[in-house]
Structures are given as structure tokens and as C-alpha cells.
Amino acid sequence: MVAEGRTVAERTGENQNYELVADMGNGLIIAKVKISDLREQDINARIMKTEMQKQLTDNIKKRGQLESLPFCALIEGKIEIISGHHRIRSAKDSGILTEIYVILDISGLRRSQVAAKQLAHNAIAGFDDQSTLRELVKIISDVDDMLESFIGKEILEEPMAELEKLLSPKVDFDWRNLTFTFLPHQIKDFEKLLAVLQSINPDILGIAPIEAHKQFMEAITKYQQFANVKNTGAAIYAMIRATEKVLGDVGFDGSTEWVQLTTIFGSPAIPKEAAEVIEGALKKMIEQGAVGAKNKWQAIEYWAADWSAGA
């Protein structure tokens, strides 16, 4: 293999702090190194509980060696640990190892690449100290390095926000989050929960029974298919406009209290023959100007008033 015009063997000869074991290609080798020559990163987000670290040390004592190779990099003549800080610490604490085998990157990584690879290896297992993790992310200056780190969006929010400012035109607009909650409880439970939620967030307006969830989602899905709209928010907005039109058609403006006819008649439907009689009379009243197209309901009021007067 040739790296920067020199073979691995030639580059190895320049460094007395590791022994070449095998050339893996692409700037990676397996090397034998002294634990005392390994340098930890100044910032490392990977955390291991004390009991876990002790168990790892005990395992190394029993095995007499590491069961997986740490990943290191040759940076300015020094070997820096990228992945395996805790394994190397336990190897040192075991008291039986002075040299270990590592995968060593001798390609000459930039500091941004070191941070990216450190995050990528850390993402495999364990957990991270979030504040330290954000400090590491700030070191990364290259988009490809950021992608390679495989860190979640919640950690990359601040750096990505800065990147988006450079890649996208600035658009300012007001927005709010709306949450639709459907729960399978009785109305008393709804009211109790609503009281609790409103004490936490006064912007919460209400909740609905879970039976309504299916119809809600079906209505949104149908409109998205009908109008070829992918954005759920746009579909909900269209449903709002449709509702406003219905309310406008009947003349409801919120200034007076309205009552659903079902509370008076006990049913939302009537026999077909009765409906035909009502439709005929209503049509005649509209033609004569007795009621308007937006206040057809007044016909019922007039009919009831006539009946009451006749009585």
C-alpha cells in the first residue's frame, strides 16, 4: 500500500511507538502498541457506569487480553484513542497488560474527522453525556463528517440550524403546534384530564373520544388523496375552511347561542314523505322571500309561531 507516496513499512519505520502487524489497506493497519503511549481524547461523550467499568476490568483479567480491538489514529506522531477509551482504561487497570493490539488509522485524519469517527463509534452502544456530546459536535466543521457521526437530530439541531442558514433563504413566519388527543375514557375522565392538562398548558382546548380518531384520520387521508396534498397541516386547514363555509351558509357567526335540532326532535332524520312536504314548503318560502338561503331554519320558527298563535 502507498500512503502519501510512502509504503506502510516506510511510515512505520519513522515511528517507534507502534509495531506493524498487518496492513488492512486504505490507511488502516493492525498495530501492537504500548498502553502508556496511547493518548485519550480531551473530550469524550461516552460514559460507562463504575460497576460496568469494574466488570470490564475483571473480564480482561480472566481473558488475559481484549476481546475487541480499540480504534486509534496517528495524529502528529502520537497515537490518539478514537473508540475504546474504557477498554484501554480497564486493560491498564487490570495490571496484566502493558501492550495491546489496536486498529490504527495512519492516513492523517483531520480533527473534524476524528470527532466525527469518535461520535460514530460511540453511537453503536452505551449512552452519552448530552452536554459533552454537543461540545464534540461543535468541533465538526464538515457536512460529510457530520453525517458520518450518525448522531441524532436532537443533538445536531444547533449545528444544523447554522448550516440551514447558509443553504436556505431565510423565511420568517409565526407557527404553533396543535396536538389532537383521542382517549378511550368516559366524559368525567375527560374533564378531569382536561383540567390537569390546562393547568400545565392553558392553550389546550379539549380532547375527544378515541372512537372519533378513525373518522378523523379517514377524513384527512381522503382529502389528501382528493387534492393530491401530502401535507397533513394543509389537509386540516382545508377541513377548517370547509367547516367555515357550512357555518357561513347557515348564518352562524358566533354572536348568539345555537341549539342542535336533535335536542328538540330527538333524531337527525325524518321519513322521506315528510321531508318532501317540508322541502316543497321551504322552497316556496324562499321564492317568496319569507326566508333567505342562509336562514332556512327560520321556516321552522315561523311554522311553530303560526301553530302557537292558532292554539
C-alpha atoms as a PDB file:
ATOM      1  CA  MET A   1       0.000   0.000   0.000  1.00  0.00           C
ATOM      2  CA  VAL A   2       1.177   3.509  -0.766  1.00  0.00           C
ATOM      3  CA  ALA A   3       0.164   6.370   1.558  1.00  0.00           C
ATOM      4  CA  GLU A   4       1.282   9.880   0.702  1.00  0.00           C
ATOM      5  CA  GLY A   5       3.976   8.434  -1.595  1.00  0.00           C
ATOM      6  CA  ARG A   6       5.432   6.082   1.054  1.00  0.00           C
ATOM      7  CA  THR A   7       4.722   2.474   1.955  1.00  0.00           C
ATOM      8  CA  VAL A   8       3.294   1.472   5.334  1.00  0.00           C
ATOM      9  CA  ALA A   9       6.623  -0.134   6.162  1.00  0.00           C
ATOM     10  CA  GLU A  10       8.438   3.128   5.447  1.00  0.00           C
ATOM     11  CA  ARG A  11       5.971   5.133   7.553  1.00  0.00           C
ATOM     12  CA  THR A  12       6.253   2.572  10.369  1.00  0.00           C
ATOM     13  CA  GLY A  13       9.991   2.958  10.388  1.00  0.00           C
ATOM     14  CA  GLU A  14       9.533   6.624  11.239  1.00  0.00           C
ATOM     15  CA  ASN A  15       7.508   5.837  14.348  1.00  0.00           C
ATOM     16  CA  GLN A  16       8.867   3.846  17.247  1.00  0.00           C
ATOM     17  CA  ASN A  17       5.611   3.944  19.242  1.00  0.00           C
ATOM     18  CA  TYR A  18       3.861   1.121  17.373  1.00  0.00           C
ATOM     19  CA  GLU A  19       4.706  -2.170  15.673  1.00  0.00           C
ATOM     20  CA  LEU A  20       3.063  -3.049  12.357  1.00  0.00           C
ATOM     21  CA  VAL A  21       1.236  -6.375  12.488  1.00  0.00           C
ATOM     22  CA  ALA A  22      -0.943  -6.272   9.355  1.00  0.00           C
ATOM     23  CA  ASP A  23      -1.839  -3.829   6.602  1.00  0.00           C
ATOM     24  CA  MET A  24      -5.635  -3.618   6.186  1.00  0.00           C
ATOM     25  CA  GLY A  25      -5.487  -1.141   3.303  1.00  0.00           C
ATOM     26  CA  ASN A  26      -6.988   2.336   2.884  1.00  0.00           C
ATOM     27  CA  GLY A  27      -4.783   3.788   5.595  1.00  0.00           C
ATOM     28  CA  LEU A  28      -5.703   1.239   8.266  1.00  0.00           C
ATOM     29  CA  ILE A  29      -3.317  -1.186   9.936  1.00  0.00           C
ATOM     30  CA  ILE A  30      -3.348  -3.532  12.890  1.00  0.00           C
ATOM     31  CA  ALA A  31      -0.621  -2.424  15.235  1.00  0.00           C
ATOM     32  CA  LYS A  32       0.878  -3.506  18.533  1.00  0.00           C
ATOM     33  CA  VAL A  33       1.234  -0.548  20.868  1.00  0.00           C
ATOM     34  CA  LYS A  34       2.228   0.221  24.432  1.00  0.00           C
ATOM     35  CA  ILE A  35      -0.729   1.276  26.578  1.00  0.00           C
ATOM     36  CA  SER A  36       1.401   4.037  28.057  1.00  0.00           C
ATOM     37  CA  ASP A  37       1.810   5.568  24.580  1.00  0.00           C
ATOM     38  CA  LEU A  38      -1.920   5.906  23.956  1.00  0.00           C
ATOM     39  CA  ARG A  39      -3.477   9.341  24.358  1.00  0.00           C
ATOM     40  CA  GLU A  40      -7.139   9.793  25.336  1.00  0.00           C
ATOM     41  CA  GLN A  41      -9.282  12.462  23.699  1.00  0.00           C
ATOM     42  CA  ASP A  42      -9.688  15.672  25.680  1.00  0.00           C
ATOM     43  CA  ILE A  43     -13.461  15.367  25.197  1.00  0.00           C
ATOM     44  CA  ASN A  44     -15.217  12.009  25.257  1.00  0.00           C
ATOM     45  CA  ALA A  45     -19.009  11.767  25.441  1.00  0.00           C
ATOM     46  CA  ARG A  46     -19.108   8.040  26.125  1.00  0.00           C
ATOM     47  CA  ILE A  47     -19.928   7.287  29.777  1.00  0.00           C
ATOM     48  CA  MET A  48     -19.633   3.926  31.493  1.00  0.00           C
ATOM     49  CA  LYS A  49     -21.023   3.219  34.932  1.00  0.00           C
ATOM     50  CA  THR A  50     -18.483   2.370  37.620  1.00  0.00           C
ATOM     51  CA  GLU A  51     -19.832  -1.146  38.031  1.00  0.00           C
ATOM     52  CA  MET A  52     -19.665  -1.718  34.268  1.00  0.00           C
ATOM     53  CA  GLN A  53     -16.064  -0.472  34.140  1.00  0.00           C
ATOM     54  CA  LYS A  54     -15.134  -2.813  37.015  1.00  0.00           C
ATOM     55  CA  GLN A  55     -16.790  -5.749  35.262  1.00  0.00           C
ATOM     56  CA  LEU A  56     -14.853  -4.971  32.090  1.00  0.00           C
ATOM     57  CA  THR A  57     -11.594  -4.916  34.061  1.00  0.00           C
ATOM     58  CA  ASP A  58     -12.458  -8.274  35.649  1.00  0.00           C
ATOM     59  CA  ASN A  59     -13.236  -9.752  32.229  1.00  0.00           C
ATOM     60  CA  ILE A  60      -9.838  -8.648  30.906  1.00  0.00           C
ATOM     61  CA  LYS A  61      -8.110 -10.204  33.918  1.00  0.00           C
ATOM     62  CA  LYS A  62      -9.879 -13.510  33.244  1.00  0.00           C
ATOM     63  CA  ARG A  63      -9.303 -13.458  29.497  1.00  0.00           C
ATOM     64  CA  GLY A  64      -5.797 -12.013  29.626  1.00  0.00           C
ATOM     65  CA  GLN A  65      -6.461  -9.777  26.643  1.00  0.00           C
ATOM     66  CA  LEU A  66      -9.016  -7.517  24.961  1.00  0.00           C
ATOM     67  CA  GLU A  67     -11.824  -9.269  23.070  1.00  0.00           C
ATOM     68  CA  SER A  68     -12.248  -6.407  20.580  1.00  0.00           C
ATOM     69  CA  LEU A  69      -9.700  -4.040  19.129  1.00  0.00           C
ATOM     70  CA  PRO A  70      -9.827  -0.348  20.032  1.00  0.00           C
ATOM     71  CA  PHE A  71      -9.736   2.094  17.144  1.00  0.00           C
ATOM     72  CA  CYS A  72      -6.958   4.704  17.226  1.00  0.00           C
ATOM     73  CA  ALA A  73      -5.419   7.266  14.899  1.00  0.00           C
ATOM     74  CA  LEU A  74      -1.900   8.507  14.357  1.00  0.00           C
ATOM     75  CA  ILE A  75      -2.116  12.278  14.772  1.00  0.00           C
ATOM     76  CA  GLU A  76       1.098  14.319  14.509  1.00  0.00           C
ATOM     77  CA  GLY A  77       3.229  11.373  15.583  1.00  0.00           C
ATOM     78  CA  LYS A  78       1.055  10.491  18.598  1.00  0.00           C
ATOM     79  CA  ILE A  79      -1.481   7.684  18.867  1.00  0.00           C
ATOM     80  CA  GLU A  80      -4.892   9.003  19.914  1.00  0.00           C
ATOM     81  CA  ILE A  81      -7.781   6.807  21.033  1.00  0.00           C
ATOM     82  CA  ILE A  82     -10.951   7.270  18.989  1.00  0.00           C
ATOM     83  CA  SER A  83     -13.012   4.315  20.158  1.00  0.00           C
ATOM     84  CA  GLY A  84     -12.162   2.119  23.143  1.00  0.00           C
ATOM     85  CA  HIS A  85     -11.327   4.545  25.957  1.00  0.00           C
ATOM     86  CA  HIS A  86     -12.938   2.323  28.585  1.00  0.00           C
ATOM     87  CA  ARG A  87     -11.446  -0.897  27.210  1.00  0.00           C
ATOM     88  CA  ILE A  88      -7.977   0.657  27.318  1.00  0.00           C
ATOM     89  CA  ARG A  89      -8.545   2.023  30.827  1.00  0.00           C
ATOM     90  CA  SER A  90      -9.617  -1.415  32.021  1.00  0.00           C
ATOM     91  CA  ALA A  91      -6.641  -3.004  30.237  1.00  0.00           C
ATOM     92  CA  LYS A  92      -4.363  -0.614  32.129  1.00  0.00           C
ATOM     93  CA  ASP A  93      -6.208  -1.193  35.435  1.00  0.00           C
ATOM     94  CA  SER A  94      -6.017  -4.974  35.015  1.00  0.00           C
ATOM     95  CA  GLY A  95      -2.297  -4.808  35.753  1.00  0.00           C
ATOM     96  CA  ILE A  96      -1.551  -7.708  33.396  1.00  0.00           C
ATOM     97  CA  LEU A  97      -1.315  -5.868  30.077  1.00  0.00           C
ATOM     98  CA  THR A  98       1.319  -3.371  29.020  1.00  0.00           C
ATOM     99  CA  GLU A  99       0.817  -3.754  25.256  1.00  0.00           C
ATOM    100  CA  ILE A 100      -2.349  -4.274  23.215  1.00  0.00           C
ATOM    101  CA  TYR A 101      -3.373  -4.614  19.587  1.00  0.00           C
ATOM    102  CA  VAL A 102      -5.353  -1.807  18.000  1.00  0.00           C
ATOM    103  CA  ILE A 103      -6.762  -0.824  14.623  1.00  0.00           C
ATOM    104  CA  LEU A 104      -4.713   2.219  13.734  1.00  0.00           C
ATOM    105  CA  ASP A 105      -5.598   4.846  11.145  1.00  0.00           C
ATOM    106  CA  ILE A 106      -2.370   6.275   9.711  1.00  0.00           C
ATOM    107  CA  SER A 107      -3.999   8.244   6.874  1.00  0.00           C
ATOM    108  CA  GLY A 108      -3.629  11.563   8.666  1.00  0.00           C
ATOM    109  CA  LEU A 109      -7.126  12.407   9.881  1.00  0.00           C
ATOM    110  CA  ARG A 110      -8.218  15.984  10.362  1.00  0.00           C
ATOM    111  CA  ARG A 111      -9.509  16.986  13.819  1.00  0.00           C
ATOM    112  CA  SER A 112     -13.059  17.238  12.417  1.00  0.00           C
ATOM    113  CA  GLN A 113     -12.782  13.669  11.089  1.00  0.00           C
ATOM    114  CA  VAL A 114     -11.520  12.423  14.450  1.00  0.00           C
ATOM    115  CA  ALA A 115     -14.549  13.938  16.205  1.00  0.00           C
ATOM    116  CA  ALA A 116     -16.929  12.504  13.586  1.00  0.00           C
ATOM    117  CA  LYS A 117     -15.464   8.998  13.861  1.00  0.00           C
ATOM    118  CA  GLN A 118     -15.495   9.239  17.657  1.00  0.00           C
ATOM    119  CA  LEU A 119     -19.223  10.058  17.601  1.00  0.00           C
ATOM    120  CA  ALA A 120     -19.951   7.353  15.025  1.00  0.00           C
ATOM    121  CA  HIS A 121     -18.251   4.657  17.111  1.00  0.00           C
ATOM    122  CA  ASN A 122     -19.888   5.929  20.303  1.00  0.00           C
ATOM    123  CA  ALA A 123     -23.332   5.704  18.700  1.00  0.00           C
ATOM    124  CA  ILE A 124     -23.040   1.915  18.457  1.00  0.00           C
ATOM    125  CA  ALA A 125     -23.722   1.244  22.150  1.00  0.00           C
ATOM    126  CA  GLY A 126     -23.854   2.793  25.607  1.00  0.00           C
ATOM    127  CA  PHE A 127     -25.096   6.284  26.357  1.00  0.00           C
ATOM    128  CA  ASP A 128     -23.740   9.782  26.050  1.00  0.00           C
ATOM    129  CA  ASP A 129     -23.427  12.808  28.266  1.00  0.00           C
ATOM    130  CA  GLN A 130     -25.583  15.206  26.240  1.00  0.00           C
ATOM    131  CA  SER A 131     -23.766  18.437  27.085  1.00  0.00           C
ATOM    132  CA  THR A 132     -20.375  16.912  26.260  1.00  0.00           C
ATOM    133  CA  LEU A 133     -21.822  15.380  23.105  1.00  0.00           C
ATOM    134  CA  ARG A 134     -22.864  18.808  21.898  1.00  0.00           C
ATOM    135  CA  GLU A 135     -19.367  20.095  22.552  1.00  0.00           C
ATOM    136  CA  LEU A 136     -17.987  17.327  20.328  1.00  0.00           C
ATOM    137  CA  VAL A 137     -20.493  18.117  17.590  1.00  0.00           C
ATOM    138  CA  LYS A 138     -19.300  21.737  17.543  1.00  0.00           C
ATOM    139  CA  ILE A 139     -15.824  20.503  16.562  1.00  0.00           C
ATOM    140  CA  ILE A 140     -17.166  19.002  13.341  1.00  0.00           C
ATOM    141  CA  SER A 141     -16.756  21.518  10.528  1.00  0.00           C
ATOM    142  CA  ASP A 142     -17.571  19.362   7.503  1.00  0.00           C
ATOM    143  CA  VAL A 143     -21.058  18.217   6.418  1.00  0.00           C
ATOM    144  CA  ASP A 144     -19.828  14.756   5.406  1.00  0.00           C
ATOM    145  CA  ASP A 145     -18.166  14.369   8.804  1.00  0.00           C
ATOM    146  CA  MET A 146     -21.421  15.360  10.475  1.00  0.00           C
ATOM    147  CA  LEU A 147     -23.340  12.722   8.520  1.00  0.00           C
ATOM    148  CA  GLU A 148     -20.699  10.093   9.298  1.00  0.00           C
ATOM    149  CA  SER A 149     -21.052  10.764  13.029  1.00  0.00           C
ATOM    150  CA  PHE A 150     -24.533   9.208  12.931  1.00  0.00           C
ATOM    151  CA  ILE A 151     -25.739  11.443  15.756  1.00  0.00           C
ATOM    152  CA  GLY A 152     -29.462  12.049  16.263  1.00  0.00           C
ATOM    153  CA  LYS A 153     -31.188  15.192  15.009  1.00  0.00           C
ATOM    154  CA  GLU A 154     -31.859  16.451  18.539  1.00  0.00           C
ATOM    155  CA  ILE A 155     -28.098  16.717  19.139  1.00  0.00           C
ATOM    156  CA  LEU A 156     -27.381  18.254  15.748  1.00  0.00           C
ATOM    157  CA  GLU A 157     -30.136  20.871  15.986  1.00  0.00           C
ATOM    158  CA  GLU A 158     -27.847  23.801  16.745  1.00  0.00           C
ATOM    159  CA  PRO A 159     -25.132  22.976  14.161  1.00  0.00           C
ATOM    160  CA  MET A 160     -27.736  22.017  11.548  1.00  0.00           C
ATOM    161  CA  ALA A 161     -29.606  25.259  12.199  1.00  0.00           C
ATOM    162  CA  GLU A 162     -26.448  27.168  11.374  1.00  0.00           C
ATOM    163  CA  LEU A 163     -25.953  25.052   8.255  1.00  0.00           C
ATOM    164  CA  GLU A 164     -29.534  25.630   7.094  1.00  0.00           C
ATOM    165  CA  LYS A 165     -28.994  29.388   7.345  1.00  0.00           C
ATOM    166  CA  LEU A 166     -26.263  29.027   4.745  1.00  0.00           C
ATOM    167  CA  LEU A 167     -28.111  26.622   2.468  1.00  0.00           C
ATOM    168  CA  SER A 168     -31.630  28.064   2.536  1.00  0.00           C
ATOM    169  CA  PRO A 169     -33.221  31.506   2.151  1.00  0.00           C
ATOM    170  CA  LYS A 170     -34.491  32.959   5.408  1.00  0.00           C
ATOM    171  CA  VAL A 171     -38.270  32.746   5.863  1.00  0.00           C
ATOM    172  CA  ASP A 172     -39.932  34.252   8.930  1.00  0.00           C
ATOM    173  CA  PHE A 173     -43.450  33.206   9.877  1.00  0.00           C
ATOM    174  CA  ASP A 174     -45.462  32.542  13.023  1.00  0.00           C
ATOM    175  CA  TRP A 175     -46.469  28.993  13.797  1.00  0.00           C
ATOM    176  CA  ARG A 176     -47.987  26.912  16.577  1.00  0.00           C
ATOM    177  CA  ASN A 177     -48.102  23.199  17.326  1.00  0.00           C
ATOM    178  CA  LEU A 178     -51.525  21.574  17.566  1.00  0.00           C
ATOM    179  CA  THR A 179     -51.943  18.198  19.235  1.00  0.00           C
ATOM    180  CA  PHE A 180     -55.048  16.098  18.664  1.00  0.00           C
ATOM    181  CA  THR A 181     -55.671  13.722  21.552  1.00  0.00           C
ATOM    182  CA  PHE A 182     -58.128  10.801  21.417  1.00  0.00           C
ATOM    183  CA  LEU A 183     -58.646   8.819  24.623  1.00  0.00           C
ATOM    184  CA  PRO A 184     -60.890   5.826  25.461  1.00  0.00           C
ATOM    185  CA  HIS A 185     -62.414   7.152  28.703  1.00  0.00           C
ATOM    186  CA  GLN A 186     -65.765   8.369  29.954  1.00  0.00           C
ATOM    187  CA  ILE A 187     -66.633  12.070  29.824  1.00  0.00           C
ATOM    188  CA  LYS A 188     -65.896  12.559  33.531  1.00  0.00           C
ATOM    189  CA  ASP A 189     -62.405  11.223  32.995  1.00  0.00           C
ATOM    190  CA  PHE A 190     -62.060  13.579  30.025  1.00  0.00           C
ATOM    191  CA  GLU A 191     -62.990  16.573  32.148  1.00  0.00           C
ATOM    192  CA  LYS A 192     -60.587  15.595  34.935  1.00  0.00           C
ATOM    193  CA  LEU A 193     -57.732  15.095  32.492  1.00  0.00           C
ATOM    194  CA  LEU A 194     -58.565  18.312  30.679  1.00  0.00           C
ATOM    195  CA  ALA A 195     -58.403  20.237  33.947  1.00  0.00           C
ATOM    196  CA  VAL A 196     -54.953  18.808  34.632  1.00  0.00           C
ATOM    197  CA  LEU A 197     -53.695  19.479  31.102  1.00  0.00           C
ATOM    198  CA  GLN A 198     -54.972  23.043  31.102  1.00  0.00           C
ATOM    199  CA  SER A 199     -53.194  23.715  34.376  1.00  0.00           C
ATOM    200  CA  ILE A 200     -49.990  22.687  32.598  1.00  0.00           C
ATOM    201  CA  ASN A 201     -50.706  24.313  29.246  1.00  0.00           C
ATOM    202  CA  PRO A 202     -53.599  26.815  29.084  1.00  0.00           C
ATOM    203  CA  ASP A 203     -53.527  26.663  25.259  1.00  0.00           C
ATOM    204  CA  ILE A 204     -55.053  23.158  25.338  1.00  0.00           C
ATOM    205  CA  LEU A 205     -58.675  23.453  24.221  1.00  0.00           C
ATOM    206  CA  GLY A 206     -60.006  19.932  24.573  1.00  0.00           C
ATOM    207  CA  ILE A 207     -59.805  16.241  23.878  1.00  0.00           C
ATOM    208  CA  ALA A 208     -62.011  13.766  22.007  1.00  0.00           C
ATOM    209  CA  PRO A 209     -63.131  10.151  22.449  1.00  0.00           C
ATOM    210  CA  ILE A 210     -60.958   7.573  20.702  1.00  0.00           C
ATOM    211  CA  GLU A 211     -63.916   6.455  18.588  1.00  0.00           C
ATOM    212  CA  ALA A 212     -63.585   9.722  16.641  1.00  0.00           C
ATOM    213  CA  HIS A 213     -59.931   9.074  15.776  1.00  0.00           C
ATOM    214  CA  LYS A 214     -60.644   6.693  12.890  1.00  0.00           C
ATOM    215  CA  GLN A 215     -63.094   9.091  11.224  1.00  0.00           C
ATOM    216  CA  PHE A 216     -60.698  11.985  11.758  1.00  0.00           C
ATOM    217  CA  MET A 217     -57.805  10.169  10.088  1.00  0.00           C
ATOM    218  CA  GLU A 218     -60.002   8.834   7.272  1.00  0.00           C
ATOM    219  CA  ALA A 219     -61.259  12.353   6.506  1.00  0.00           C
ATOM    220  CA  ILE A 220     -57.721  13.755   6.369  1.00  0.00           C
ATOM    221  CA  THR A 221     -56.497  10.850   4.223  1.00  0.00           C
ATOM    222  CA  LYS A 222     -59.400  11.180   1.783  1.00  0.00           C
ATOM    223  CA  TYR A 223     -58.807  14.893   1.327  1.00  0.00           C
ATOM    224  CA  GLN A 224     -55.073  14.354   0.801  1.00  0.00           C
ATOM    225  CA  GLN A 225     -55.879  11.842  -1.940  1.00  0.00           C
ATOM    226  CA  PHE A 226     -58.607  14.055  -3.441  1.00  0.00           C
ATOM    227  CA  ALA A 227     -56.497  17.219  -3.623  1.00  0.00           C
ATOM    228  CA  ASN A 228     -53.138  15.454  -4.036  1.00  0.00           C
ATOM    229  CA  VAL A 229     -51.878  17.148  -0.878  1.00  0.00           C
ATOM    230  CA  LYS A 230     -49.110  15.471   1.113  1.00  0.00           C
ATOM    231  CA  ASN A 231     -49.010  17.960   3.970  1.00  0.00           C
ATOM    232  CA  THR A 232     -51.338  16.961   6.812  1.00  0.00           C
ATOM    233  CA  GLY A 233     -51.475  20.556   8.009  1.00  0.00           C
ATOM    234  CA  ALA A 234     -52.775  21.680   4.599  1.00  0.00           C
ATOM    235  CA  ALA A 235     -55.460  18.986   4.729  1.00  0.00           C
ATOM    236  CA  ILE A 236     -56.591  20.104   8.193  1.00  0.00           C
ATOM    237  CA  TYR A 237     -56.645  23.718   7.017  1.00  0.00           C
ATOM    238  CA  ALA A 238     -58.901  22.742   4.098  1.00  0.00           C
ATOM    239  CA  MET A 239     -61.240  20.958   6.522  1.00  0.00           C
ATOM    240  CA  ILE A 240     -61.371  24.120   8.629  1.00  0.00           C
ATOM    241  CA  ARG A 241     -62.271  26.211   5.576  1.00  0.00           C
ATOM    242  CA  ALA A 242     -64.998  23.731   4.607  1.00  0.00           C
ATOM    243  CA  THR A 243     -66.461  23.951   8.105  1.00  0.00           C
ATOM    244  CA  GLU A 244     -66.367  27.753   7.954  1.00  0.00           C
ATOM    245  CA  LYS A 245     -68.312  27.627   4.683  1.00  0.00           C
ATOM    246  CA  VAL A 246     -71.002  25.413   6.219  1.00  0.00           C
ATOM    247  CA  LEU A 247     -71.335  27.778   9.173  1.00  0.00           C
ATOM    248  CA  GLY A 248     -71.464  30.746   6.806  1.00  0.00           C
ATOM    249  CA  ASP A 249     -74.172  29.084   4.718  1.00  0.00           C
ATOM    250  CA  VAL A 250     -76.474  28.801   7.745  1.00  0.00           C
ATOM    251  CA  GLY A 251     -75.662  32.289   9.004  1.00  0.00           C
ATOM    252  CA  PHE A 252     -73.811  31.289  12.176  1.00  0.00           C
ATOM    253  CA  ASP A 253     -71.370  33.952  13.327  1.00  0.00           C
ATOM    254  CA  GLY A 254     -70.950  33.023  16.997  1.00  0.00           C
ATOM    255  CA  SER A 255     -72.810  36.085  18.299  1.00  0.00           C
ATOM    256  CA  THR A 256     -75.806  34.055  19.521  1.00  0.00           C
ATOM    257  CA  GLU A 257     -76.232  30.647  21.108  1.00  0.00           C
ATOM    258  CA  TRP A 258     -77.430  27.879  18.820  1.00  0.00           C
ATOM    259  CA  VAL A 259     -79.166  24.591  19.677  1.00  0.00           C
ATOM    260  CA  GLN A 260     -78.896  21.372  17.706  1.00  0.00           C
ATOM    261  CA  LEU A 261     -82.265  20.249  16.310  1.00  0.00           C
ATOM    262  CA  THR A 262     -81.631  16.743  17.552  1.00  0.00           C
ATOM    263  CA  THR A 263     -82.040  18.036  21.128  1.00  0.00           C
ATOM    264  CA  ILE A 264     -85.602  19.127  20.204  1.00  0.00           C
ATOM    265  CA  PHE A 265     -86.742  16.395  17.810  1.00  0.00           C
ATOM    266  CA  GLY A 266     -84.667  13.591  19.290  1.00  0.00           C
ATOM    267  CA  SER A 267     -83.497  12.486  15.843  1.00  0.00           C
ATOM    268  CA  PRO A 268     -81.406  13.932  12.989  1.00  0.00           C
ATOM    269  CA  ALA A 269     -83.625  12.306  10.336  1.00  0.00           C
ATOM    270  CA  ILE A 270     -87.292  12.168   9.280  1.00  0.00           C
ATOM    271  CA  PRO A 271     -89.280   9.936   6.880  1.00  0.00           C
ATOM    272  CA  LYS A 272     -88.847  10.651   3.177  1.00  0.00           C
ATOM    273  CA  GLU A 273     -92.513  11.627   2.635  1.00  0.00           C
ATOM    274  CA  ALA A 274     -92.349  14.207   5.436  1.00  0.00           C
ATOM    275  CA  ALA A 275     -89.081  15.571   4.059  1.00  0.00           C
ATOM    276  CA  GLU A 276     -90.665  16.090   0.635  1.00  0.00           C
ATOM    277  CA  VAL A 277     -93.531  18.106   2.168  1.00  0.00           C
ATOM    278  CA  ILE A 278     -91.065  20.277   4.135  1.00  0.00           C
ATOM    279  CA  GLU A 279     -88.793  20.804   1.104  1.00  0.00           C
ATOM    280  CA  GLY A 280     -91.760  21.929  -1.004  1.00  0.00           C
ATOM    281  CA  ALA A 281     -92.952  24.434   1.590  1.00  0.00           C
ATOM    282  CA  LEU A 282     -89.404  25.683   2.222  1.00  0.00           C
ATOM    283  CA  LYS A 283     -88.787  26.225  -1.492  1.00  0.00           C
ATOM    284  CA  LYS A 284     -91.983  28.272  -1.749  1.00  0.00           C
ATOM    285  CA  MET A 285     -90.999  30.415   1.255  1.00  0.00           C
ATOM    286  CA  ILE A 286     -87.561  31.134  -0.255  1.00  0.00           C
ATOM    287  CA  GLU A 287     -89.109  32.082  -3.605  1.00  0.00           C
ATOM    288  CA  GLN A 288     -91.487  34.490  -1.872  1.00  0.00           C
ATOM    289  CA  GLY A 289     -88.656  35.945   0.217  1.00  0.00           C
ATOM    290  CA  ALA A 290     -90.083  34.817   3.569  1.00  0.00           C
ATOM    291  CA  VAL A 291     -86.736  33.213   4.439  1.00  0.00           C
ATOM    292  CA  GLY A 292     -83.281  33.505   2.945  1.00  0.00           C
ATOM    293  CA  ALA A 293     -80.926  30.870   1.626  1.00  0.00           C
ATOM    294  CA  LYS A 294     -78.732  31.287   4.707  1.00  0.00           C
ATOM    295  CA  ASN A 295     -81.517  31.151   7.281  1.00  0.00           C
ATOM    296  CA  LYS A 296     -83.710  28.300   6.111  1.00  0.00           C
ATOM    297  CA  TRP A 297     -84.026  27.256   9.723  1.00  0.00           C
ATOM    298  CA  GLN A 298     -86.306  30.278  10.300  1.00  0.00           C
ATOM    299  CA  ALA A 299     -89.073  28.442   8.447  1.00  0.00           C
ATOM    300  CA  ILE A 300     -89.396  26.123  11.443  1.00  0.00           C
ATOM    301  CA  GLU A 301     -89.660  29.140  13.725  1.00  0.00           C
ATOM    302  CA  TYR A 302     -92.446  30.654  11.571  1.00  0.00           C
ATOM    303  CA  TRP A 303     -94.349  27.376  11.387  1.00  0.00           C
ATOM    304  CA  ALA A 304     -94.096  26.946  15.150  1.00  0.00           C
ATOM    305  CA  ALA A 305     -95.191  30.574  15.747  1.00  0.00           C
ATOM    306  CA  ASP A 306     -98.224  30.112  13.478  1.00  0.00           C
ATOM    307  CA  TRP A 307     -99.154  26.949  15.311  1.00  0.00           C
ATOM    308  CA  SER A 308     -98.733  28.599  18.684  1.00  0.00           C
ATOM    309  CA  ALA A 309    -100.844  31.585  17.602  1.00  0.00           C
ATOM    310  CA  GLY A 310    -103.563  29.333  16.267  1.00  0.00           C
ATOM    311  CA  ALA A 311    -103.620  27.423  19.511  1.00  0.00           C
END
